[in-house]
Structures are given as C-alpha cells and as structure tokens.
Amino acid sequence: MPQPAFAPRVLSAGSLPPRLADLNDPPSELFLWGQLPRGAAVAVVGTRKPSEAALRFTRQLARDLARAGVAILSGGAAGIDRAAHEAALEAGGETLVVAPSGLSRPYPAAHRALFERVVEAGGGYLSVVPDGNAAEPWCFFRRNSVMAALAHAVVAVECGVRSGTRNTTARARRLGRPVFWPPSPPWEPRGAGFLLEYRLGGVTPLCDARDVLENLRARRLYGVGEALQLGFELETEDPGD
C-alpha cells in the first residue's frame, strides 16, 4: 500500500479543477494531499446525528456508486459524511474529503486516521486553507461551495431545516448540479430539510444508486455508462433484515 503524502500540493491558477470556475468567487488556492477524482464524482452529505436507517442507506448508496466507478465526495464530518467515505473505501473506490482545515489540524480531530486511510488508498484530502490552520466558521461555507462545484451531482441524506447540508445543496442548485434526496417521513425531525426542499421544488427524490447513475449516464459522464452496460447490479440487503 502506498504511503500517504503528508506534505500538501498547492493548487492554484491552471492546476485548480476547472469546475471551480463555475463559482462566483472561486478560490485562488486549495491544498491537496493525495489525488483528485479522475472521473464522475458525487457528493454525499447529511446530518452528523443520523438515524440507523439513514446510515445503512448511505453506506449502501456509497458502495454501489463506488463499485460503478463513481468517486464519492464528502466533508469528513461525523455521521453521514464518515459513513460515505468508509463505504467507498470498503468498495475499493475513490473518495475525496473536502475539508475546512489542513490535515495536521483536521476537523474533527478524531477522524484523522480515516483521512489518512483515504489518502493511502489513492483518494484525496482537499483543504480550503493551508495546513496548520484550524477550521473557522467561514471555512465550512467555503468548503461547501468547493464540494458543490466539484460534484457532478449531490445526494443529501437527512438534515434539519438549518444545516450545513442545506447550505451545500443550495450552492449546488445555483451551480446547476442535480440534487437528490431520499424521501423522509413528515414525522421525522431529522428529515425536515428534505420536506422543505421538496416543497420548494429543489430536489429529486432518490430511491437508490440507480437514480444517480442514470442521471450521470444521460449526461455522458465517463465510466458510468460502461458500468451499467456491463450489468452492474445494486447491492441488496437480505429481506429478512
């Protein structure tokens, strides 16, 4: 297994991902440990305190997308973010942490071992600030903008009305990125964000990875069409569970 590169590479000018140019205020610099995704990328984001059902859904979704050759982007936070990164690693796929701070002072600090695993596995850790900087409130908003711009689609899984998840999906919509969301029951407060967005017409209801893959294939993004043509099958749970 390759050793992680703990010295970041500074991305600026022509080395910044071209999709960031869609932002009204693109960053002038980003700081990368490891590698950026090489093909289609989907951001999977959500609450830090999800239900067990939401965690199971996130893991299966991320595994299915990763197995189809789609890179998983997320913010490295507890809950849905962590589940998405871990599931992509378990599937042997690519994942990128889009972070509010450098790797020497990661947020949350307890996830540093996970972030190092991501880099070791050939993925990446992308910070909006130089290494050594702590995560400040503005860093999270910048992180959300960068992640929305890099993503070819965004999936949100459980969140309240006031949340970083809705900040990310709002930025994605402004950039023209499709936003998918598994429907939440109206009695579940952790799903209130979906219910509001659905009423506003801001999201496409999501059943499973096929909804995202069909969207990516229709847009002729690299690798996804081939995965479906080869008979890609979704992982399914035992109906007795």
C-alpha atoms as a PDB file:
ATOM      1  CA  MET A   1       0.000   0.000   0.000  1.00  0.00           C
ATOM      2  CA  PRO A   2       1.443   3.415  -0.908  1.00  0.00           C
ATOM      3  CA  GLN A   3       2.408   5.702   1.928  1.00  0.00           C
ATOM      4  CA  PRO A   4       0.362   8.898   2.356  1.00  0.00           C
ATOM      5  CA  ALA A   5       1.862  12.160   1.160  1.00  0.00           C
ATOM      6  CA  PHE A   6       1.654  14.369   4.227  1.00  0.00           C
ATOM      7  CA  ALA A   7       3.035  17.461   2.502  1.00  0.00           C
ATOM      8  CA  PRO A   8       0.186  19.117   0.604  1.00  0.00           C
ATOM      9  CA  ARG A   9       0.346  20.111  -3.014  1.00  0.00           C
ATOM     10  CA  VAL A  10      -0.781  23.696  -3.578  1.00  0.00           C
ATOM     11  CA  LEU A  11      -3.316  24.039  -6.364  1.00  0.00           C
ATOM     12  CA  SER A  12      -3.554  27.456  -7.986  1.00  0.00           C
ATOM     13  CA  ALA A  13      -4.288  29.031 -11.356  1.00  0.00           C
ATOM     14  CA  GLY A  14      -4.168  26.311 -14.026  1.00  0.00           C
ATOM     15  CA  SER A  15      -3.803  23.456 -11.537  1.00  0.00           C
ATOM     16  CA  LEU A  16      -7.169  24.161  -9.880  1.00  0.00           C
ATOM     17  CA  PRO A  17     -10.026  21.880 -11.017  1.00  0.00           C
ATOM     18  CA  PRO A  18     -11.779  23.591 -13.964  1.00  0.00           C
ATOM     19  CA  ARG A  19     -15.237  23.034 -12.441  1.00  0.00           C
ATOM     20  CA  LEU A  20     -14.426  25.580  -9.728  1.00  0.00           C
ATOM     21  CA  ALA A  21     -14.651  28.292 -12.386  1.00  0.00           C
ATOM     22  CA  ASP A  22     -18.442  27.954 -12.137  1.00  0.00           C
ATOM     23  CA  LEU A  23     -18.298  29.652  -8.726  1.00  0.00           C
ATOM     24  CA  ASN A  24     -18.850  33.400  -8.489  1.00  0.00           C
ATOM     25  CA  ASP A  25     -15.873  33.613  -6.118  1.00  0.00           C
ATOM     26  CA  PRO A  26     -13.621  30.637  -6.900  1.00  0.00           C
ATOM     27  CA  PRO A  27     -10.726  30.042  -4.504  1.00  0.00           C
ATOM     28  CA  SER A  28      -7.318  31.232  -5.632  1.00  0.00           C
ATOM     29  CA  GLU A  29      -5.626  28.320  -3.837  1.00  0.00           C
ATOM     30  CA  LEU A  30      -6.504  24.895  -2.473  1.00  0.00           C
ATOM     31  CA  PHE A  31      -4.306  22.388  -0.656  1.00  0.00           C
ATOM     32  CA  LEU A  32      -4.307  18.734  -1.685  1.00  0.00           C
ATOM     33  CA  TRP A  33      -2.974  15.588  -0.062  1.00  0.00           C
ATOM     34  CA  GLY A  34      -3.233  12.630  -2.437  1.00  0.00           C
ATOM     35  CA  GLN A  35      -5.253  12.763  -5.645  1.00  0.00           C
ATOM     36  CA  LEU A  36      -8.376  14.388  -7.033  1.00  0.00           C
ATOM     37  CA  PRO A  37     -11.049  12.159  -8.609  1.00  0.00           C
ATOM     38  CA  ARG A  38     -10.378  11.230 -12.208  1.00  0.00           C
ATOM     39  CA  GLY A  39     -13.960  10.750 -13.384  1.00  0.00           C
ATOM     40  CA  ALA A  40     -17.541  11.314 -12.329  1.00  0.00           C
ATOM     41  CA  ALA A  41     -17.913  12.435  -8.705  1.00  0.00           C
ATOM     42  CA  VAL A  42     -20.968  12.544  -6.452  1.00  0.00           C
ATOM     43  CA  ALA A  43     -21.093  14.422  -3.141  1.00  0.00           C
ATOM     44  CA  VAL A  44     -22.887  12.547  -0.339  1.00  0.00           C
ATOM     45  CA  VAL A  45     -23.702  14.782   2.629  1.00  0.00           C
ATOM     46  CA  GLY A  46     -26.026  14.834   5.617  1.00  0.00           C
ATOM     47  CA  THR A  47     -26.542  15.193   9.330  1.00  0.00           C
ATOM     48  CA  ARG A  48     -23.881  14.465  11.937  1.00  0.00           C
ATOM     49  CA  LYS A  49     -26.507  12.610  14.011  1.00  0.00           C
ATOM     50  CA  PRO A  50     -28.329  10.334  11.566  1.00  0.00           C
ATOM     51  CA  SER A  51     -30.764   7.553  12.242  1.00  0.00           C
ATOM     52  CA  GLU A  52     -29.510   3.992  11.869  1.00  0.00           C
ATOM     53  CA  ALA A  53     -31.677   3.608   8.771  1.00  0.00           C
ATOM     54  CA  ALA A  54     -30.035   6.661   7.194  1.00  0.00           C
ATOM     55  CA  LEU A  55     -26.576   5.263   7.943  1.00  0.00           C
ATOM     56  CA  ARG A  56     -27.462   1.947   6.298  1.00  0.00           C
ATOM     57  CA  PHE A  57     -28.853   3.751   3.261  1.00  0.00           C
ATOM     58  CA  THR A  58     -25.750   5.937   2.972  1.00  0.00           C
ATOM     59  CA  ARG A  59     -23.357   3.008   3.173  1.00  0.00           C
ATOM     60  CA  GLN A  60     -25.195   1.028   0.526  1.00  0.00           C
ATOM     61  CA  LEU A  61     -25.529   4.035  -1.766  1.00  0.00           C
ATOM     62  CA  ALA A  62     -21.839   4.943  -1.485  1.00  0.00           C
ATOM     63  CA  ARG A  63     -20.742   1.321  -2.032  1.00  0.00           C
ATOM     64  CA  ASP A  64     -22.954   0.981  -5.102  1.00  0.00           C
ATOM     65  CA  LEU A  65     -21.743   4.256  -6.617  1.00  0.00           C
ATOM     66  CA  ALA A  66     -18.102   3.419  -5.879  1.00  0.00           C
ATOM     67  CA  ARG A  67     -18.476  -0.034  -7.428  1.00  0.00           C
ATOM     68  CA  ALA A  68     -19.824   1.664 -10.559  1.00  0.00           C
ATOM     69  CA  GLY A  69     -16.673   3.778 -10.813  1.00  0.00           C
ATOM     70  CA  VAL A  70     -18.057   6.983  -9.292  1.00  0.00           C
ATOM     71  CA  ALA A  71     -15.894   8.904  -6.818  1.00  0.00           C
ATOM     72  CA  ILE A  72     -17.523   9.814  -3.501  1.00  0.00           C
ATOM     73  CA  LEU A  73     -17.035  13.351  -2.190  1.00  0.00           C
ATOM     74  CA  SER A  74     -17.935  14.349   1.346  1.00  0.00           C
ATOM     75  CA  GLY A  75     -16.890  16.718   4.080  1.00  0.00           C
ATOM     76  CA  GLY A  76     -15.300  14.304   6.550  1.00  0.00           C
ATOM     77  CA  ALA A  77     -17.725  15.099   9.382  1.00  0.00           C
ATOM     78  CA  ALA A  78     -19.299  12.599  11.761  1.00  0.00           C
ATOM     79  CA  GLY A  79     -22.444  10.735  10.745  1.00  0.00           C
ATOM     80  CA  ILE A  80     -23.389  10.645   7.062  1.00  0.00           C
ATOM     81  CA  ASP A  81     -20.054  12.025   5.802  1.00  0.00           C
ATOM     82  CA  ARG A  82     -17.986   9.420   7.602  1.00  0.00           C
ATOM     83  CA  ALA A  83     -20.290   6.603   6.501  1.00  0.00           C
ATOM     84  CA  ALA A  84     -19.942   7.681   2.856  1.00  0.00           C
ATOM     85  CA  HIS A  85     -16.136   7.815   2.980  1.00  0.00           C
ATOM     86  CA  GLU A  86     -15.850   4.471   4.761  1.00  0.00           C
ATOM     87  CA  ALA A  87     -18.243   2.718   2.384  1.00  0.00           C
ATOM     88  CA  ALA A  88     -16.320   3.971  -0.649  1.00  0.00           C
ATOM     89  CA  LEU A  89     -13.096   2.621   0.861  1.00  0.00           C
ATOM     90  CA  GLU A  90     -14.756  -0.732   1.612  1.00  0.00           C
ATOM     91  CA  ALA A  91     -15.843  -0.952  -2.026  1.00  0.00           C
ATOM     92  CA  GLY A  92     -12.316  -0.224  -3.253  1.00  0.00           C
ATOM     93  CA  GLY A  93     -13.451   3.024  -4.848  1.00  0.00           C
ATOM     94  CA  GLU A  94     -12.238   6.604  -4.892  1.00  0.00           C
ATOM     95  CA  THR A  95     -13.195   9.101  -2.226  1.00  0.00           C
ATOM     96  CA  LEU A  96     -12.226  12.720  -1.605  1.00  0.00           C
ATOM     97  CA  VAL A  97     -12.503  14.572   1.696  1.00  0.00           C
ATOM     98  CA  VAL A  98     -13.308  18.244   1.051  1.00  0.00           C
ATOM     99  CA  ALA A  99     -12.186  19.737   4.335  1.00  0.00           C
ATOM    100  CA  PRO A 100     -12.420  23.025   6.251  1.00  0.00           C
ATOM    101  CA  SER A 101      -8.873  22.687   7.630  1.00  0.00           C
ATOM    102  CA  GLY A 102      -5.496  21.141   6.871  1.00  0.00           C
ATOM    103  CA  LEU A 103      -4.566  17.551   7.631  1.00  0.00           C
ATOM    104  CA  SER A 104      -2.377  18.443  10.605  1.00  0.00           C
ATOM    105  CA  ARG A 105      -5.406  20.027  12.337  1.00  0.00           C
ATOM    106  CA  PRO A 106      -8.327  18.078  10.876  1.00  0.00           C
ATOM    107  CA  TYR A 107     -11.953  18.609  11.728  1.00  0.00           C
ATOM    108  CA  PRO A 108     -12.993  16.561  13.556  1.00  0.00           C
ATOM    109  CA  ALA A 109      -9.658  15.594  15.069  1.00  0.00           C
ATOM    110  CA  ALA A 110     -10.924  12.081  15.810  1.00  0.00           C
ATOM    111  CA  HIS A 111     -11.183  11.392  12.061  1.00  0.00           C
ATOM    112  CA  ARG A 112      -7.515  11.916  11.236  1.00  0.00           C
ATOM    113  CA  ALA A 113      -6.880   8.153  10.915  1.00  0.00           C
ATOM    114  CA  LEU A 114      -9.793   7.912   8.458  1.00  0.00           C
ATOM    115  CA  PHE A 115      -8.434  10.804   6.406  1.00  0.00           C
ATOM    116  CA  GLU A 116      -5.007   9.188   6.257  1.00  0.00           C
ATOM    117  CA  ARG A 117      -6.628   5.931   5.083  1.00  0.00           C
ATOM    118  CA  VAL A 118      -8.345   7.858   2.298  1.00  0.00           C
ATOM    119  CA  VAL A 119      -5.016   9.237   1.068  1.00  0.00           C
ATOM    120  CA  GLU A 120      -3.243   5.883   1.456  1.00  0.00           C
ATOM    121  CA  ALA A 121      -5.949   4.209  -0.632  1.00  0.00           C
ATOM    122  CA  GLY A 122      -5.345   6.566  -3.560  1.00  0.00           C
ATOM    123  CA  GLY A 123      -8.001   9.152  -2.737  1.00  0.00           C
ATOM    124  CA  GLY A 124      -7.512  12.697  -1.572  1.00  0.00           C
ATOM    125  CA  TYR A 125      -7.885  15.248   1.205  1.00  0.00           C
ATOM    126  CA  LEU A 126      -8.572  18.739  -0.134  1.00  0.00           C
ATOM    127  CA  SER A 127      -8.393  21.695   2.257  1.00  0.00           C
ATOM    128  CA  VAL A 128      -9.663  25.213   1.659  1.00  0.00           C
ATOM    129  CA  VAL A 129      -6.933  26.640   3.934  1.00  0.00           C
ATOM    130  CA  PRO A 130      -3.178  25.995   4.300  1.00  0.00           C
ATOM    131  CA  ASP A 131      -2.017  23.215   6.578  1.00  0.00           C
ATOM    132  CA  GLY A 132      -1.798  24.248  10.209  1.00  0.00           C
ATOM    133  CA  ASN A 133      -4.955  26.373  10.031  1.00  0.00           C
ATOM    134  CA  ALA A 134      -7.852  25.406  12.269  1.00  0.00           C
ATOM    135  CA  ALA A 135     -11.402  25.207  10.920  1.00  0.00           C
ATOM    136  CA  GLU A 136     -13.134  28.567  11.378  1.00  0.00           C
ATOM    137  CA  PRO A 137     -16.829  29.189  10.657  1.00  0.00           C
ATOM    138  CA  TRP A 138     -16.194  30.726   7.226  1.00  0.00           C
ATOM    139  CA  CYS A 139     -14.143  27.671   6.219  1.00  0.00           C
ATOM    140  CA  PHE A 140     -17.226  25.447   6.317  1.00  0.00           C
ATOM    141  CA  PHE A 141     -19.120  27.693   3.903  1.00  0.00           C
ATOM    142  CA  ARG A 142     -16.124  27.782   1.561  1.00  0.00           C
ATOM    143  CA  ARG A 143     -15.780  24.003   1.846  1.00  0.00           C
ATOM    144  CA  ASN A 144     -19.455  23.565   0.914  1.00  0.00           C
ATOM    145  CA  SER A 145     -19.054  25.759  -2.175  1.00  0.00           C
ATOM    146  CA  VAL A 146     -15.979  23.867  -3.353  1.00  0.00           C
ATOM    147  CA  MET A 147     -17.631  20.480  -2.829  1.00  0.00           C
ATOM    148  CA  ALA A 148     -20.791  21.537  -4.686  1.00  0.00           C
ATOM    149  CA  ALA A 149     -18.717  22.828  -7.600  1.00  0.00           C
ATOM    150  CA  LEU A 150     -16.597  19.676  -7.859  1.00  0.00           C
ATOM    151  CA  ALA A 151     -19.610  17.336  -7.736  1.00  0.00           C
ATOM    152  CA  HIS A 152     -21.455  16.151 -10.830  1.00  0.00           C
ATOM    153  CA  ALA A 153     -24.428  15.530  -8.518  1.00  0.00           C
ATOM    154  CA  VAL A 154     -25.188  15.935  -4.819  1.00  0.00           C
ATOM    155  CA  VAL A 155     -27.020  13.452  -2.592  1.00  0.00           C
ATOM    156  CA  ALA A 156     -28.332  14.678   0.767  1.00  0.00           C
ATOM    157  CA  VAL A 157     -29.319  12.194   3.470  1.00  0.00           C
ATOM    158  CA  GLU A 158     -31.257  13.509   6.487  1.00  0.00           C
ATOM    159  CA  CYS A 159     -30.864  17.014   7.834  1.00  0.00           C
ATOM    160  CA  GLY A 160     -32.789  19.668   9.694  1.00  0.00           C
ATOM    161  CA  VAL A 161     -34.044  22.949   8.294  1.00  0.00           C
ATOM    162  CA  ARG A 162     -30.958  24.865   9.450  1.00  0.00           C
ATOM    163  CA  SER A 163     -27.929  22.817   8.442  1.00  0.00           C
ATOM    164  CA  GLY A 164     -24.680  22.715   6.520  1.00  0.00           C
ATOM    165  CA  THR A 165     -26.273  20.104   4.283  1.00  0.00           C
ATOM    166  CA  ARG A 166     -28.876  22.561   3.030  1.00  0.00           C
ATOM    167  CA  ASN A 167     -26.143  25.134   2.541  1.00  0.00           C
ATOM    168  CA  THR A 168     -24.355  22.662   0.260  1.00  0.00           C
ATOM    169  CA  THR A 169     -27.485  21.735  -1.687  1.00  0.00           C
ATOM    170  CA  ALA A 170     -28.427  25.399  -2.155  1.00  0.00           C
ATOM    171  CA  ARG A 171     -24.996  26.093  -3.635  1.00  0.00           C
ATOM    172  CA  ALA A 172     -25.280  23.012  -5.834  1.00  0.00           C
ATOM    173  CA  ARG A 173     -28.606  24.183  -7.259  1.00  0.00           C
ATOM    174  CA  ARG A 174     -27.195  27.623  -8.038  1.00  0.00           C
ATOM    175  CA  LEU A 175     -24.402  25.895  -9.942  1.00  0.00           C
ATOM    176  CA  GLY A 176     -26.807  23.684 -11.867  1.00  0.00           C
ATOM    177  CA  ARG A 177     -25.723  20.462 -10.118  1.00  0.00           C
ATOM    178  CA  PRO A 178     -28.544  17.911  -9.710  1.00  0.00           C
ATOM    179  CA  VAL A 179     -29.592  17.379  -6.088  1.00  0.00           C
ATOM    180  CA  PHE A 180     -31.013  14.009  -4.978  1.00  0.00           C
ATOM    181  CA  TRP A 181     -32.570  13.205  -1.635  1.00  0.00           C
ATOM    182  CA  PRO A 182     -34.172  10.028  -0.224  1.00  0.00           C
ATOM    183  CA  PRO A 183     -37.672  10.995   0.964  1.00  0.00           C
ATOM    184  CA  SER A 184     -38.121  11.444   4.701  1.00  0.00           C
ATOM    185  CA  PRO A 185     -41.386  10.822   6.588  1.00  0.00           C
ATOM    186  CA  PRO A 186     -43.053  14.009   7.853  1.00  0.00           C
ATOM    187  CA  TRP A 187     -42.845  12.868  11.494  1.00  0.00           C
ATOM    188  CA  GLU A 188     -39.044  12.552  11.420  1.00  0.00           C
ATOM    189  CA  PRO A 189     -37.411  15.862  12.519  1.00  0.00           C
ATOM    190  CA  ARG A 190     -34.086  14.772  11.055  1.00  0.00           C
ATOM    191  CA  GLY A 191     -35.785  14.811   7.651  1.00  0.00           C
ATOM    192  CA  ALA A 192     -37.318  18.281   7.902  1.00  0.00           C
ATOM    193  CA  GLY A 193     -34.747  19.643   5.460  1.00  0.00           C
ATOM    194  CA  PHE A 194     -35.945  17.292   2.732  1.00  0.00           C
ATOM    195  CA  LEU A 195     -39.589  18.175   3.283  1.00  0.00           C
ATOM    196  CA  LEU A 196     -38.873  21.895   2.941  1.00  0.00           C
ATOM    197  CA  GLU A 197     -36.686  21.421  -0.137  1.00  0.00           C
ATOM    198  CA  TYR A 198     -39.285  19.151  -1.733  1.00  0.00           C
ATOM    199  CA  ARG A 199     -41.994  21.760  -1.265  1.00  0.00           C
ATOM    200  CA  LEU A 200     -39.704  24.368  -2.792  1.00  0.00           C
ATOM    201  CA  GLY A 201     -39.075  22.101  -5.770  1.00  0.00           C
ATOM    202  CA  GLY A 202     -35.380  21.930  -5.056  1.00  0.00           C
ATOM    203  CA  VAL A 203     -34.666  18.190  -5.052  1.00  0.00           C
ATOM    204  CA  THR A 204     -35.247  14.966  -6.957  1.00  0.00           C
ATOM    205  CA  PRO A 205     -36.456  12.107  -4.738  1.00  0.00           C
ATOM    206  CA  LEU A 206     -33.934   9.261  -4.610  1.00  0.00           C
ATOM    207  CA  CYS A 207     -34.656   5.555  -4.245  1.00  0.00           C
ATOM    208  CA  ASP A 208     -31.184   4.083  -4.737  1.00  0.00           C
ATOM    209  CA  ALA A 209     -27.939   4.466  -6.679  1.00  0.00           C
ATOM    210  CA  ARG A 210     -29.640   3.716  -9.995  1.00  0.00           C
ATOM    211  CA  ASP A 211     -31.315   7.129  -9.953  1.00  0.00           C
ATOM    212  CA  VAL A 212     -27.953   8.869  -9.742  1.00  0.00           C
ATOM    213  CA  LEU A 213     -26.244   6.547 -12.221  1.00  0.00           C
ATOM    214  CA  GLU A 214     -28.962   7.028 -14.825  1.00  0.00           C
ATOM    215  CA  ASN A 215     -28.601  10.798 -14.469  1.00  0.00           C
ATOM    216  CA  LEU A 216     -24.831  10.600 -14.913  1.00  0.00           C
ATOM    217  CA  ARG A 217     -25.142   8.227 -17.865  1.00  0.00           C
ATOM    218  CA  ALA A 218     -27.646  10.529 -19.588  1.00  0.00           C
ATOM    219  CA  ARG A 219     -25.079  13.320 -19.299  1.00  0.00           C
ATOM    220  CA  ARG A 220     -22.409  11.067 -20.861  1.00  0.00           C
ATOM    221  CA  LEU A 221     -20.028  11.222 -17.940  1.00  0.00           C
ATOM    222  CA  TYR A 222     -17.003   8.943 -18.089  1.00  0.00           C
ATOM    223  CA  GLY A 223     -17.269   5.374 -16.821  1.00  0.00           C
ATOM    224  CA  VAL A 224     -20.863   5.278 -15.613  1.00  0.00           C
ATOM    225  CA  GLY A 225     -22.477   4.189 -18.871  1.00  0.00           C
ATOM    226  CA  GLU A 226     -19.942   1.413 -19.253  1.00  0.00           C
ATOM    227  CA  ALA A 227     -20.644   0.186 -15.721  1.00  0.00           C
ATOM    228  CA  LEU A 228     -24.362  -0.052 -16.413  1.00  0.00           C
ATOM    229  CA  GLN A 229     -23.860  -1.725 -19.795  1.00  0.00           C
ATOM    230  CA  LEU A 230     -21.716  -4.388 -18.144  1.00  0.00           C
ATOM    231  CA  GLY A 231     -24.663  -5.419 -15.998  1.00  0.00           C
ATOM    232  CA  PHE A 232     -23.838  -3.547 -12.806  1.00  0.00           C
ATOM    233  CA  GLU A 233     -26.170  -4.781 -10.082  1.00  0.00           C
ATOM    234  CA  LEU A 234     -27.005  -2.941  -6.908  1.00  0.00           C
ATOM    235  CA  GLU A 235     -26.094  -4.471  -3.589  1.00  0.00           C
ATOM    236  CA  THR A 236     -29.290  -5.553  -1.881  1.00  0.00           C
ATOM    237  CA  GLU A 237     -29.982  -6.317   1.743  1.00  0.00           C
ATOM    238  CA  ASP A 238     -31.463  -9.600   2.926  1.00  0.00           C
ATOM    239  CA  PRO A 239     -35.250  -9.002   3.025  1.00  0.00           C
ATOM    240  CA  GLY A 240     -35.300 -10.705   6.382  1.00  0.00           C
ATOM    241  CA  ASP A 241     -33.160  -7.974   7.981  1.00  0.00           C
END
